[in-house]
Structure formats: C-alpha cells, structure tokens
Amino acid sequence: MNNLKPGDTAVYYCAANAVATVHPGYW
C-alpha cells in the first residue's frame, strides 16, 4: 500500500475462495 490516505484507515482482512468476486459475502 503506497501513498496512503486517511480514507484507507480500516481493518484489513485477507480472504480465500474457490471463485473470485468483489462481494465479501461470497468469500
């Protein structure tokens, strides 16, 4: 993560799934 901004403040989670999707509910 470069050029970090205040809006990047969060808890960051890694996830694994058989199919990649942008929707967190499917991981």
mmCIF file of all heavy atoms, coordinates in Angstrom:
data_MODEL
# 
_entry.id   MODEL 
# 
loop_
_atom_site.group_PDB 
_atom_site.id 
_atom_site.type_symbol 
_atom_site.label_atom_id 
_atom_site.label_alt_id 
_atom_site.label_comp_id 
_atom_site.label_asym_id 
_atom_site.label_entity_id 
_atom_site.label_seq_id 
_atom_site.pdbx_PDB_ins_code 
_atom_site.Cartn_x 
_atom_site.Cartn_y 
_atom_site.Cartn_z 
_atom_site.occupancy 
_atom_site.B_iso_or_equiv 
_atom_site.pdbx_formal_charge 
_atom_site.auth_seq_id 
_atom_site.auth_comp_id 
_atom_site.auth_asym_id 
_atom_site.auth_atom_id 
_atom_site.pdbx_PDB_model_num 
ATOM 1   N N   . MET A 1 1  ? 0.845   -1.183  0.000  1.00 0.00 ? 1  MET A N   1 
ATOM 2   C CA  . MET A 1 1  ? 0.000   0.000   0.000  1.00 0.00 ? 1  MET A CA  1 
ATOM 3   C C   . MET A 1 1  ? 0.886   1.240   0.000  1.00 0.00 ? 1  MET A C   1 
ATOM 4   O O   . MET A 1 1  ? 1.621   1.480   0.963  1.00 0.00 ? 1  MET A O   1 
ATOM 5   C CB  . MET A 1 1  ? -0.930  0.004   1.215  1.00 0.00 ? 1  MET A CB  1 
ATOM 6   C CG  . MET A 1 1  ? -1.783  -1.256  1.335  1.00 0.00 ? 1  MET A CG  1 
ATOM 7   S SD  . MET A 1 1  ? -2.973  -1.173  2.701  1.00 0.00 ? 1  MET A SD  1 
ATOM 8   C CE  . MET A 1 1  ? -1.840  -1.116  4.092  1.00 0.00 ? 1  MET A CE  1 
ATOM 9   N N   . ASN A 1 2  ? 0.819   2.007   -1.070 1.00 0.00 ? 2  ASN A N   1 
ATOM 10  C CA  . ASN A 1 2  ? 1.598   3.224   -1.212 1.00 0.00 ? 2  ASN A CA  1 
ATOM 11  C C   . ASN A 1 2  ? 0.684   4.441   -1.253 1.00 0.00 ? 2  ASN A C   1 
ATOM 12  O O   . ASN A 1 2  ? -0.500  4.332   -1.564 1.00 0.00 ? 2  ASN A O   1 
ATOM 13  C CB  . ASN A 1 2  ? 2.439   3.177   -2.483 1.00 0.00 ? 2  ASN A CB  1 
ATOM 14  C CG  . ASN A 1 2  ? 3.456   2.066   -2.485 1.00 0.00 ? 2  ASN A CG  1 
ATOM 15  O OD1 . ASN A 1 2  ? 4.007   1.711   -1.444 1.00 0.00 ? 2  ASN A OD1 1 
ATOM 16  N ND2 . ASN A 1 2  ? 3.717   1.509   -3.667 1.00 0.00 ? 2  ASN A ND2 1 
ATOM 17  N N   . ASN A 1 3  ? 1.259   5.595   -0.969 1.00 0.00 ? 3  ASN A N   1 
ATOM 18  C CA  . ASN A 1 3  ? 0.502   6.851   -0.978 1.00 0.00 ? 3  ASN A CA  1 
ATOM 19  C C   . ASN A 1 3  ? -0.796  6.719   -0.191 1.00 0.00 ? 3  ASN A C   1 
ATOM 20  O O   . ASN A 1 3  ? -1.878  7.058   -0.668 1.00 0.00 ? 3  ASN A O   1 
ATOM 21  C CB  . ASN A 1 3  ? 0.219   7.282   -2.418 1.00 0.00 ? 3  ASN A CB  1 
ATOM 22  C CG  . ASN A 1 3  ? -0.312  8.701   -2.510 1.00 0.00 ? 3  ASN A CG  1 
ATOM 23  O OD1 . ASN A 1 3  ? -0.090  9.519   -1.618 1.00 0.00 ? 3  ASN A OD1 1 
ATOM 24  N ND2 . ASN A 1 3  ? -1.036  8.990   -3.580 1.00 0.00 ? 3  ASN A ND2 1 
ATOM 25  N N   . LEU A 1 4  ? -0.678  6.239   1.017  1.00 0.00 ? 4  LEU A N   1 
ATOM 26  C CA  . LEU A 1 4  ? -1.852  6.008   1.847  1.00 0.00 ? 4  LEU A CA  1 
ATOM 27  C C   . LEU A 1 4  ? -2.560  7.312   2.194  1.00 0.00 ? 4  LEU A C   1 
ATOM 28  O O   . LEU A 1 4  ? -1.925  8.352   2.374  1.00 0.00 ? 4  LEU A O   1 
ATOM 29  C CB  . LEU A 1 4  ? -1.454  5.273   3.116  1.00 0.00 ? 4  LEU A CB  1 
ATOM 30  C CG  . LEU A 1 4  ? -1.194  3.782   2.915  1.00 0.00 ? 4  LEU A CG  1 
ATOM 31  C CD1 . LEU A 1 4  ? -0.365  3.220   4.060  1.00 0.00 ? 4  LEU A CD1 1 
ATOM 32  C CD2 . LEU A 1 4  ? -2.518  3.029   2.791  1.00 0.00 ? 4  LEU A CD2 1 
ATOM 33  N N   . LYS A 1 5  ? -3.875  7.218   2.280  1.00 0.00 ? 5  LYS A N   1 
ATOM 34  C CA  . LYS A 1 5  ? -4.731  8.354   2.591  1.00 0.00 ? 5  LYS A CA  1 
ATOM 35  C C   . LYS A 1 5  ? -5.528  8.065   3.859  1.00 0.00 ? 5  LYS A C   1 
ATOM 36  O O   . LYS A 1 5  ? -5.739  6.912   4.202  1.00 0.00 ? 5  LYS A O   1 
ATOM 37  C CB  . LYS A 1 5  ? -5.690  8.617   1.426  1.00 0.00 ? 5  LYS A CB  1 
ATOM 38  C CG  . LYS A 1 5  ? -5.004  8.838   0.096  1.00 0.00 ? 5  LYS A CG  1 
ATOM 39  C CD  . LYS A 1 5  ? -6.015  8.963   -1.034 1.00 0.00 ? 5  LYS A CD  1 
ATOM 40  C CE  . LYS A 1 5  ? -5.323  9.179   -2.363 1.00 0.00 ? 5  LYS A CE  1 
ATOM 41  N NZ  . LYS A 1 5  ? -6.291  9.291   -3.481 1.00 0.00 ? 5  LYS A NZ  1 
ATOM 42  N N   . PRO A 1 6  ? -6.000  9.104   4.554  1.00 0.00 ? 6  PRO A N   1 
ATOM 43  C CA  . PRO A 1 6  ? -6.818  8.854   5.746  1.00 0.00 ? 6  PRO A CA  1 
ATOM 44  C C   . PRO A 1 6  ? -8.019  7.962   5.466  1.00 0.00 ? 6  PRO A C   1 
ATOM 45  O O   . PRO A 1 6  ? -8.422  7.181   6.337  1.00 0.00 ? 6  PRO A O   1 
ATOM 46  C CB  . PRO A 1 6  ? -7.248  10.262  6.166  1.00 0.00 ? 6  PRO A CB  1 
ATOM 47  C CG  . PRO A 1 6  ? -6.120  11.129  5.716  1.00 0.00 ? 6  PRO A CG  1 
ATOM 48  C CD  . PRO A 1 6  ? -5.683  10.541  4.407  1.00 0.00 ? 6  PRO A CD  1 
ATOM 49  N N   . GLY A 1 7  ? -8.592  8.038   4.263  1.00 0.00 ? 7  GLY A N   1 
ATOM 50  C CA  . GLY A 1 7  ? -9.712  7.195   3.901  1.00 0.00 ? 7  GLY A CA  1 
ATOM 51  C C   . GLY A 1 7  ? -9.379  5.719   3.806  1.00 0.00 ? 7  GLY A C   1 
ATOM 52  O O   . GLY A 1 7  ? -10.292 4.895   3.727  1.00 0.00 ? 7  GLY A O   1 
ATOM 53  N N   . ASP A 1 8  ? -8.099  5.378   3.813  1.00 0.00 ? 8  ASP A N   1 
ATOM 54  C CA  . ASP A 1 8  ? -7.690  3.982   3.811  1.00 0.00 ? 8  ASP A CA  1 
ATOM 55  C C   . ASP A 1 8  ? -7.721  3.364   5.200  1.00 0.00 ? 8  ASP A C   1 
ATOM 56  O O   . ASP A 1 8  ? -7.508  2.160   5.346  1.00 0.00 ? 8  ASP A O   1 
ATOM 57  C CB  . ASP A 1 8  ? -6.275  3.837   3.235  1.00 0.00 ? 8  ASP A CB  1 
ATOM 58  C CG  . ASP A 1 8  ? -6.183  4.265   1.786  1.00 0.00 ? 8  ASP A CG  1 
ATOM 59  O OD1 . ASP A 1 8  ? -7.105  3.933   1.002  1.00 0.00 ? 8  ASP A OD1 1 
ATOM 60  O OD2 . ASP A 1 8  ? -5.191  4.924   1.427  1.00 0.00 ? 8  ASP A OD2 1 
ATOM 61  N N   . THR A 1 9  ? -7.948  4.160   6.224  1.00 0.00 ? 9  THR A N   1 
ATOM 62  C CA  . THR A 1 9  ? -7.989  3.658   7.588  1.00 0.00 ? 9  THR A CA  1 
ATOM 63  C C   . THR A 1 9  ? -9.108  2.631   7.735  1.00 0.00 ? 9  THR A C   1 
ATOM 64  O O   . THR A 1 9  ? -10.270 2.918   7.437  1.00 0.00 ? 9  THR A O   1 
ATOM 65  C CB  . THR A 1 9  ? -8.193  4.803   8.580  1.00 0.00 ? 9  THR A CB  1 
ATOM 66  O OG1 . THR A 1 9  ? -7.063  5.678   8.542  1.00 0.00 ? 9  THR A OG1 1 
ATOM 67  C CG2 . THR A 1 9  ? -8.365  4.275   9.998  1.00 0.00 ? 9  THR A CG2 1 
ATOM 68  N N   . ALA A 1 10 ? -8.758  1.437   8.186  1.00 0.00 ? 10 ALA A N   1 
ATOM 69  C CA  . ALA A 1 10 ? -9.719  0.345   8.317  1.00 0.00 ? 10 ALA A CA  1 
ATOM 70  C C   . ALA A 1 10 ? -9.007  -0.871  8.878  1.00 0.00 ? 10 ALA A C   1 
ATOM 71  O O   . ALA A 1 10 ? -7.781  -0.908  8.967  1.00 0.00 ? 10 ALA A O   1 
ATOM 72  C CB  . ALA A 1 10 ? -10.339 -0.001  6.960  1.00 0.00 ? 10 ALA A CB  1 
ATOM 73  N N   . VAL A 1 11 ? -9.795  -1.870  9.246  1.00 0.00 ? 11 VAL A N   1 
ATOM 74  C CA  . VAL A 1 11 ? -9.254  -3.190  9.500  1.00 0.00 ? 11 VAL A CA  1 
ATOM 75  C C   . VAL A 1 11 ? -9.201  -3.915  8.164  1.00 0.00 ? 11 VAL A C   1 
ATOM 76  O O   . VAL A 1 11 ? -10.205 -3.986  7.450  1.00 0.00 ? 11 VAL A O   1 
ATOM 77  C CB  . VAL A 1 11 ? -10.107 -3.986  10.506 1.00 0.00 ? 11 VAL A CB  1 
ATOM 78  C CG1 . VAL A 1 11 ? -9.565  -5.405  10.666 1.00 0.00 ? 11 VAL A CG1 1 
ATOM 79  C CG2 . VAL A 1 11 ? -10.134 -3.272  11.852 1.00 0.00 ? 11 VAL A CG2 1 
ATOM 80  N N   . TYR A 1 12 ? -8.043  -4.445  7.826  1.00 0.00 ? 12 TYR A N   1 
ATOM 81  C CA  . TYR A 1 12 ? -7.852  -5.140  6.560  1.00 0.00 ? 12 TYR A CA  1 
ATOM 82  C C   . TYR A 1 12 ? -7.871  -6.640  6.788  1.00 0.00 ? 12 TYR A C   1 
ATOM 83  O O   . TYR A 1 12 ? -7.185  -7.161  7.663  1.00 0.00 ? 12 TYR A O   1 
ATOM 84  C CB  . TYR A 1 12 ? -6.531  -4.716  5.915  1.00 0.00 ? 12 TYR A CB  1 
ATOM 85  C CG  . TYR A 1 12 ? -6.618  -3.359  5.261  1.00 0.00 ? 12 TYR A CG  1 
ATOM 86  C CD1 . TYR A 1 12 ? -6.726  -2.211  6.030  1.00 0.00 ? 12 TYR A CD1 1 
ATOM 87  C CD2 . TYR A 1 12 ? -6.617  -3.231  3.874  1.00 0.00 ? 12 TYR A CD2 1 
ATOM 88  C CE1 . TYR A 1 12 ? -6.835  -0.963  5.440  1.00 0.00 ? 12 TYR A CE1 1 
ATOM 89  C CE2 . TYR A 1 12 ? -6.719  -1.989  3.273  1.00 0.00 ? 12 TYR A CE2 1 
ATOM 90  C CZ  . TYR A 1 12 ? -6.830  -0.859  4.058  1.00 0.00 ? 12 TYR A CZ  1 
ATOM 91  O OH  . TYR A 1 12 ? -6.930  0.375   3.464  1.00 0.00 ? 12 TYR A OH  1 
ATOM 92  N N   . TYR A 1 13 ? -8.665  -7.336  5.965  1.00 0.00 ? 13 TYR A N   1 
ATOM 93  C CA  . TYR A 1 13 ? -8.830  -8.776  6.063  1.00 0.00 ? 13 TYR A CA  1 
ATOM 94  C C   . TYR A 1 13 ? -8.374  -9.450  4.780  1.00 0.00 ? 13 TYR A C   1 
ATOM 95  O O   . TYR A 1 13 ? -8.675  -8.967  3.688  1.00 0.00 ? 13 TYR A O   1 
ATOM 96  C CB  . TYR A 1 13 ? -10.307 -9.141  6.277  1.00 0.00 ? 13 TYR A CB  1 
ATOM 97  C CG  . TYR A 1 13 ? -10.937 -8.574  7.526  1.00 0.00 ? 13 TYR A CG  1 
ATOM 98  C CD1 . TYR A 1 13 ? -11.554 -7.331  7.508  1.00 0.00 ? 13 TYR A CD1 1 
ATOM 99  C CD2 . TYR A 1 13 ? -10.935 -9.300  8.711  1.00 0.00 ? 13 TYR A CD2 1 
ATOM 100 C CE1 . TYR A 1 13 ? -12.148 -6.819  8.645  1.00 0.00 ? 13 TYR A CE1 1 
ATOM 101 C CE2 . TYR A 1 13 ? -11.531 -8.789  9.852  1.00 0.00 ? 13 TYR A CE2 1 
ATOM 102 C CZ  . TYR A 1 13 ? -12.134 -7.548  9.812  1.00 0.00 ? 13 TYR A CZ  1 
ATOM 103 O OH  . TYR A 1 13 ? -12.727 -7.050  10.946 1.00 0.00 ? 13 TYR A OH  1 
ATOM 104 N N   . CYS A 1 14 ? -7.694  -10.570 4.905  1.00 0.00 ? 14 CYS A N   1 
ATOM 105 C CA  . CYS A 1 14 ? -7.476  -11.408 3.739  1.00 0.00 ? 14 CYS A CA  1 
ATOM 106 C C   . CYS A 1 14 ? -8.529  -12.508 3.725  1.00 0.00 ? 14 CYS A C   1 
ATOM 107 O O   . CYS A 1 14 ? -9.083  -12.883 4.764  1.00 0.00 ? 14 CYS A O   1 
ATOM 108 C CB  . CYS A 1 14 ? -6.062  -11.988 3.683  1.00 0.00 ? 14 CYS A CB  1 
ATOM 109 S SG  . CYS A 1 14 ? -5.638  -13.178 4.965  1.00 0.00 ? 14 CYS A SG  1 
ATOM 110 N N   . ALA A 1 15 ? -8.827  -13.003 2.539  1.00 0.00 ? 15 ALA A N   1 
ATOM 111 C CA  . ALA A 1 15 ? -9.876  -13.993 2.357  1.00 0.00 ? 15 ALA A CA  1 
ATOM 112 C C   . ALA A 1 15 ? -9.476  -14.986 1.275  1.00 0.00 ? 15 ALA A C   1 
ATOM 113 O O   . ALA A 1 15 ? -8.630  -14.689 0.423  1.00 0.00 ? 15 ALA A O   1 
ATOM 114 C CB  . ALA A 1 15 ? -11.192 -13.306 1.977  1.00 0.00 ? 15 ALA A CB  1 
ATOM 115 N N   . ALA A 1 16 ? -10.094 -16.160 1.309  1.00 0.00 ? 16 ALA A N   1 
ATOM 116 C CA  . ALA A 1 16 ? -9.845  -17.208 0.327  1.00 0.00 ? 16 ALA A CA  1 
ATOM 117 C C   . ALA A 1 16 ? -11.167 -17.756 -0.181 1.00 0.00 ? 16 ALA A C   1 
ATOM 118 O O   . ALA A 1 16 ? -12.135 -17.877 0.577  1.00 0.00 ? 16 ALA A O   1 
ATOM 119 C CB  . ALA A 1 16 ? -9.011  -18.332 0.936  1.00 0.00 ? 16 ALA A CB  1 
ATOM 120 N N   . ASN A 1 17 ? -11.195 -18.106 -1.468 1.00 0.00 ? 17 ASN A N   1 
ATOM 121 C CA  . ASN A 1 17 ? -12.418 -18.612 -2.066 1.00 0.00 ? 17 ASN A CA  1 
ATOM 122 C C   . ASN A 1 17 ? -12.102 -19.381 -3.338 1.00 0.00 ? 17 ASN A C   1 
ATOM 123 O O   . ASN A 1 17 ? -11.089 -19.130 -3.999 1.00 0.00 ? 17 ASN A O   1 
ATOM 124 C CB  . ASN A 1 17 ? -13.368 -17.460 -2.388 1.00 0.00 ? 17 ASN A CB  1 
ATOM 125 C CG  . ASN A 1 17 ? -14.825 -17.886 -2.434 1.00 0.00 ? 17 ASN A CG  1 
ATOM 126 O OD1 . ASN A 1 17 ? -15.302 -18.582 -1.549 1.00 0.00 ? 17 ASN A OD1 1 
ATOM 127 N ND2 . ASN A 1 17 ? -15.532 -17.453 -3.478 1.00 0.00 ? 17 ASN A ND2 1 
ATOM 128 N N   . ALA A 1 18 ? -12.986 -20.302 -3.712 1.00 0.00 ? 18 ALA A N   1 
ATOM 129 C CA  . ALA A 1 18 ? -12.814 -21.058 -4.943 1.00 0.00 ? 18 ALA A CA  1 
ATOM 130 C C   . ALA A 1 18 ? -13.090 -20.200 -6.172 1.00 0.00 ? 18 ALA A C   1 
ATOM 131 O O   . ALA A 1 18 ? -12.570 -20.475 -7.245 1.00 0.00 ? 18 ALA A O   1 
ATOM 132 C CB  . ALA A 1 18 ? -13.720 -22.284 -4.939 1.00 0.00 ? 18 ALA A CB  1 
ATOM 133 N N   . VAL A 1 19 ? -13.927 -19.176 -6.027 1.00 0.00 ? 19 VAL A N   1 
ATOM 134 C CA  . VAL A 1 19 ? -14.262 -18.263 -7.105 1.00 0.00 ? 19 VAL A CA  1 
ATOM 135 C C   . VAL A 1 19 ? -14.019 -16.843 -6.629 1.00 0.00 ? 19 VAL A C   1 
ATOM 136 O O   . VAL A 1 19 ? -14.436 -16.473 -5.534 1.00 0.00 ? 19 VAL A O   1 
ATOM 137 C CB  . VAL A 1 19 ? -15.725 -18.427 -7.550 1.00 0.00 ? 19 VAL A CB  1 
ATOM 138 C CG1 . VAL A 1 19 ? -16.068 -17.420 -8.643 1.00 0.00 ? 19 VAL A CG1 1 
ATOM 139 C CG2 . VAL A 1 19 ? -15.994 -19.846 -8.028 1.00 0.00 ? 19 VAL A CG2 1 
ATOM 140 N N   . ALA A 1 20 ? -13.356 -16.039 -7.440 1.00 0.00 ? 20 ALA A N   1 
ATOM 141 C CA  . ALA A 1 20 ? -13.060 -14.658 -7.074 1.00 0.00 ? 20 ALA A CA  1 
ATOM 142 C C   . ALA A 1 20 ? -14.246 -13.754 -7.385 1.00 0.00 ? 20 ALA A C   1 
ATOM 143 O O   . ALA A 1 20 ? -14.847 -13.836 -8.460 1.00 0.00 ? 20 ALA A O   1 
ATOM 144 C CB  . ALA A 1 20 ? -11.822 -14.177 -7.817 1.00 0.00 ? 20 ALA A CB  1 
ATOM 145 N N   . THR A 1 21 ? -14.574 -12.883 -6.443 1.00 0.00 ? 21 THR A N   1 
ATOM 146 C CA  . THR A 1 21 ? -15.668 -11.938 -6.604 1.00 0.00 ? 21 THR A CA  1 
ATOM 147 C C   . THR A 1 21 ? -15.382 -10.706 -5.763 1.00 0.00 ? 21 THR A C   1 
ATOM 148 O O   . THR A 1 21 ? -14.656 -10.774 -4.769 1.00 0.00 ? 21 THR A O   1 
ATOM 149 C CB  . THR A 1 21 ? -17.011 -12.570 -6.178 1.00 0.00 ? 21 THR A CB  1 
ATOM 150 O OG1 . THR A 1 21 ? -18.036 -11.577 -6.161 1.00 0.00 ? 21 THR A OG1 1 
ATOM 151 C CG2 . THR A 1 21 ? -16.909 -13.180 -4.788 1.00 0.00 ? 21 THR A CG2 1 
ATOM 152 N N   . VAL A 1 22 ? -15.975 -9.581  -6.136 1.00 0.00 ? 22 VAL A N   1 
ATOM 153 C CA  . VAL A 1 22 ? -15.805 -8.350  -5.371 1.00 0.00 ? 22 VAL A CA  1 
ATOM 154 C C   . VAL A 1 22 ? -16.735 -8.289  -4.170 1.00 0.00 ? 22 VAL A C   1 
ATOM 155 O O   . VAL A 1 22 ? -16.601 -7.401  -3.331 1.00 0.00 ? 22 VAL A O   1 
ATOM 156 C CB  . VAL A 1 22 ? -16.018 -7.102  -6.250 1.00 0.00 ? 22 VAL A CB  1 
ATOM 157 C CG1 . VAL A 1 22 ? -15.061 -7.097  -7.427 1.00 0.00 ? 22 VAL A CG1 1 
ATOM 158 C CG2 . VAL A 1 22 ? -17.463 -7.024  -6.747 1.00 0.00 ? 22 VAL A CG2 1 
ATOM 159 N N   . HIS A 1 23 ? -17.667 -9.222  -4.062 1.00 0.00 ? 23 HIS A N   1 
ATOM 160 C CA  . HIS A 1 23 ? -18.656 -9.201  -2.992 1.00 0.00 ? 23 HIS A CA  1 
ATOM 161 C C   . HIS A 1 23 ? -18.158 -9.996  -1.792 1.00 0.00 ? 23 HIS A C   1 
ATOM 162 O O   . HIS A 1 23 ? -17.979 -11.208 -1.885 1.00 0.00 ? 23 HIS A O   1 
ATOM 163 C CB  . HIS A 1 23 ? -19.982 -9.767  -3.481 1.00 0.00 ? 23 HIS A CB  1 
ATOM 164 C CG  . HIS A 1 23 ? -20.538 -9.058  -4.674 1.00 0.00 ? 23 HIS A CG  1 
ATOM 165 N ND1 . HIS A 1 23 ? -20.936 -7.739  -4.627 1.00 0.00 ? 23 HIS A ND1 1 
ATOM 166 C CD2 . HIS A 1 23 ? -20.744 -9.466  -5.949 1.00 0.00 ? 23 HIS A CD2 1 
ATOM 167 C CE1 . HIS A 1 23 ? -21.372 -7.365  -5.826 1.00 0.00 ? 23 HIS A CE1 1 
ATOM 168 N NE2 . HIS A 1 23 ? -21.264 -8.400  -6.636 1.00 0.00 ? 23 HIS A NE2 1 
ATOM 169 N N   . PRO A 1 24 ? -17.947 -9.355  -0.649 1.00 0.00 ? 24 PRO A N   1 
ATOM 170 C CA  . PRO A 1 24 ? -17.386 -10.065 0.505  1.00 0.00 ? 24 PRO A CA  1 
ATOM 171 C C   . PRO A 1 24 ? -18.266 -11.195 1.006  1.00 0.00 ? 24 PRO A C   1 
ATOM 172 O O   . PRO A 1 24 ? -17.738 -12.171 1.560  1.00 0.00 ? 24 PRO A O   1 
ATOM 173 C CB  . PRO A 1 24 ? -17.233 -8.963  1.567  1.00 0.00 ? 24 PRO A CB  1 
ATOM 174 C CG  . PRO A 1 24 ? -18.167 -7.872  1.136  1.00 0.00 ? 24 PRO A CG  1 
ATOM 175 C CD  . PRO A 1 24 ? -18.169 -7.922  -0.362 1.00 0.00 ? 24 PRO A CD  1 
ATOM 176 N N   . GLY A 1 25 ? -19.572 -11.112 0.812  1.00 0.00 ? 25 GLY A N   1 
ATOM 177 C CA  . GLY A 1 25 ? -20.463 -12.138 1.320  1.00 0.00 ? 25 GLY A CA  1 
ATOM 178 C C   . GLY A 1 25 ? -20.272 -13.499 0.694  1.00 0.00 ? 25 GLY A C   1 
ATOM 179 O O   . GLY A 1 25 ? -20.745 -14.499 1.250  1.00 0.00 ? 25 GLY A O   1 
ATOM 180 N N   . TYR A 1 26 ? -19.597 -13.569 -0.432 1.00 0.00 ? 26 TYR A N   1 
ATOM 181 C CA  . TYR A 1 26 ? -19.416 -14.839 -1.121 1.00 0.00 ? 26 TYR A CA  1 
ATOM 182 C C   . TYR A 1 26 ? -18.095 -15.520 -0.813 1.00 0.00 ? 26 TYR A C   1 
ATOM 183 O O   . TYR A 1 26 ? -17.863 -16.639 -1.273 1.00 0.00 ? 26 TYR A O   1 
ATOM 184 C CB  . TYR A 1 26 ? -19.547 -14.642 -2.625 1.00 0.00 ? 26 TYR A CB  1 
ATOM 185 C CG  . TYR A 1 26 ? -20.955 -14.294 -3.066 1.00 0.00 ? 26 TYR A CG  1 
ATOM 186 C CD1 . TYR A 1 26 ? -21.287 -12.996 -3.423 1.00 0.00 ? 26 TYR A CD1 1 
ATOM 187 C CD2 . TYR A 1 26 ? -21.944 -15.264 -3.107 1.00 0.00 ? 26 TYR A CD2 1 
ATOM 188 C CE1 . TYR A 1 26 ? -22.571 -12.668 -3.827 1.00 0.00 ? 26 TYR A CE1 1 
ATOM 189 C CE2 . TYR A 1 26 ? -23.228 -14.942 -3.509 1.00 0.00 ? 26 TYR A CE2 1 
ATOM 190 C CZ  . TYR A 1 26 ? -23.534 -13.645 -3.867 1.00 0.00 ? 26 TYR A CZ  1 
ATOM 191 O OH  . TYR A 1 26 ? -24.817 -13.326 -4.262 1.00 0.00 ? 26 TYR A OH  1 
ATOM 192 N N   . TRP A 1 27 ? -17.223 -14.881 -0.050 1.00 0.00 ? 27 TRP A N   1 
ATOM 193 C CA  . TRP A 1 27 ? -15.930 -15.484 0.272  1.00 0.00 ? 27 TRP A CA  1 
ATOM 194 C C   . TRP A 1 27 ? -16.064 -16.421 1.464  1.00 0.00 ? 27 TRP A C   1 
ATOM 195 O O   . TRP A 1 27 ? -16.783 -16.123 2.423  1.00 0.00 ? 27 TRP A O   1 
ATOM 196 C CB  . TRP A 1 27 ? -14.881 -14.398 0.538  1.00 0.00 ? 27 TRP A CB  1 
ATOM 197 C CG  . TRP A 1 27 ? -14.509 -13.692 -0.726 1.00 0.00 ? 27 TRP A CG  1 
ATOM 198 C CD1 . TRP A 1 27 ? -15.253 -12.788 -1.421 1.00 0.00 ? 27 TRP A CD1 1 
ATOM 199 C CD2 . TRP A 1 27 ? -13.298 -13.841 -1.460 1.00 0.00 ? 27 TRP A CD2 1 
ATOM 200 N NE1 . TRP A 1 27 ? -14.593 -12.373 -2.544 1.00 0.00 ? 27 TRP A NE1 1 
ATOM 201 C CE2 . TRP A 1 27 ? -13.382 -12.999 -2.596 1.00 0.00 ? 27 TRP A CE2 1 
ATOM 202 C CE3 . TRP A 1 27 ? -12.137 -14.608 -1.276 1.00 0.00 ? 27 TRP A CE3 1 
ATOM 203 C CZ2 . TRP A 1 27 ? -12.350 -12.899 -3.537 1.00 0.00 ? 27 TRP A CZ2 1 
ATOM 204 C CZ3 . TRP A 1 27 ? -11.115 -14.514 -2.204 1.00 0.00 ? 27 TRP A CZ3 1 
ATOM 205 C CH2 . TRP A 1 27 ? -11.231 -13.670 -3.318 1.00 0.00 ? 27 TRP A CH2 1 
# 
